[in-house]
Amino acid sequence: MALTDAGIFTSGGLVKDKVLFCSTENGRSSFVRQLEPDWHIESNPEIIFQLARFIKYQLYVSASKLERTASNVFSSPSLENFFGCA
């Protein structure tokens, strides 16, 4: 509901039926690697580092910046900021 309220599906270009969620870090990391999506949005820096070589693009959502990052990892304090909905 938060993504819908933020306008991500209308102005951000994401397809609602293709967005997945997982409540555990191990599960999230595992299914993201297996599905090989074009994009992965994450708030845990360790998972960002683990997946950087497998995923085409990643978005790290956090108020703090990553100290080291791969060229395919983008950073934003919020989804709204990244998708220009704020």
Protein backbone atom coordinates (compact mmCIF):
# COMPACT_ATOMS: atom_id res chain seq x y z
CA MET A 1 0.00 0.00 0.00
CA ALA A 2 2.90 2.35 0.76
CA LEU A 3 4.22 2.00 -2.82
CA THR A 4 0.78 2.73 -4.24
CA ASP A 5 0.34 5.75 -1.95
CA ALA A 6 3.77 7.04 -3.02
CA GLY A 7 2.71 6.87 -6.68
CA ILE A 8 5.44 4.38 -7.60
CA PHE A 9 3.19 2.38 -9.90
CA THR A 10 1.84 5.38 -11.79
CA SER A 11 4.80 7.75 -12.08
CA GLY A 12 7.67 5.39 -11.23
CA GLY A 13 6.98 2.88 -13.97
CA LEU A 14 6.92 -0.25 -11.80
CA VAL A 15 4.38 -2.97 -12.58
CA LYS A 16 2.35 -3.83 -9.48
CA ASP A 17 2.03 -7.52 -10.40
CA LYS A 18 5.80 -7.92 -10.66
CA VAL A 19 6.79 -6.53 -7.25
CA LEU A 20 7.73 -9.14 -4.61
CA PHE A 21 8.34 -8.84 -0.87
CA CYS A 22 10.06 -11.10 1.66
CA SER A 23 10.19 -10.74 5.45
CA THR A 24 13.56 -12.42 6.11
CA GLU A 25 16.98 -11.33 4.92
CA ASN A 26 18.17 -14.84 4.01
CA GLY A 27 14.97 -15.52 2.08
CA ARG A 28 15.14 -12.17 0.31
CA SER A 29 18.73 -12.63 -0.77
CA SER A 30 18.02 -16.16 -1.96
CA PHE A 31 14.92 -15.46 -4.03
CA VAL A 32 16.43 -12.34 -5.58
CA ARG A 33 19.44 -14.34 -6.78
CA GLN A 34 17.22 -17.08 -8.18
CA LEU A 35 14.81 -14.74 -9.96
CA GLU A 36 17.58 -12.50 -11.37
CA PRO A 37 15.42 -9.36 -11.60
CA ASP A 38 16.54 -6.25 -13.45
CA TRP A 39 15.99 -4.21 -10.27
CA HIS A 40 16.21 -4.93 -6.54
CA ILE A 41 15.32 -2.39 -3.85
CA GLU A 42 16.95 -2.98 -0.48
CA SER A 43 17.58 -1.29 2.87
CA ASN A 44 20.21 -3.73 4.16
CA PRO A 45 23.73 -2.83 2.98
CA GLU A 46 25.01 -6.40 3.45
CA ILE A 47 22.42 -7.76 1.01
CA ILE A 48 23.29 -4.96 -1.44
CA PHE A 49 26.94 -6.07 -1.36
CA GLN A 50 26.04 -9.77 -1.68
CA LEU A 51 23.82 -9.19 -4.72
CA ALA A 52 25.81 -6.49 -6.55
CA ARG A 53 27.44 -8.91 -8.98
CA PHE A 54 24.19 -10.78 -9.75
CA ILE A 55 21.61 -8.01 -10.21
CA LYS A 56 21.59 -5.52 -13.08
CA TYR A 57 20.48 -2.55 -10.91
CA GLN A 58 19.96 -2.10 -7.20
CA LEU A 59 18.53 0.73 -5.16
CA TYR A 60 19.76 1.13 -1.60
CA VAL A 61 17.11 3.02 0.39
CA SER A 62 18.57 4.58 3.52
CA ALA A 63 19.30 7.97 5.03
CA SER A 64 22.96 6.94 5.23
CA LYS A 65 25.13 6.53 2.14
CA LEU A 66 27.07 3.38 1.37
CA GLU A 67 30.82 3.78 1.85
CA ARG A 68 31.70 1.48 -1.02
CA THR A 69 29.36 0.75 -3.86
CA ALA A 70 29.31 -0.93 -7.24
CA SER A 71 28.42 1.01 -10.38
CA ASN A 72 25.04 -0.75 -10.58
CA VAL A 73 23.98 0.37 -7.08
CA PHE A 74 22.03 3.59 -6.66
CA SER A 75 21.31 5.23 -3.33
CA SER A 76 18.36 7.31 -2.14
CA PRO A 77 16.94 8.36 1.24
CA SER A 78 13.46 7.20 0.13
CA LEU A 79 11.57 5.58 -2.75
CA GLU A 80 9.67 8.81 -3.27
CA ASN A 81 12.92 10.73 -3.76
CA PHE A 82 14.35 8.20 -6.18
CA PHE A 83 11.23 8.03 -8.35
CA GLY A 84 10.66 11.79 -8.20
CA CYS A 85 7.36 11.50 -6.35
CA ALA A 86 8.40 13.61 -3.34
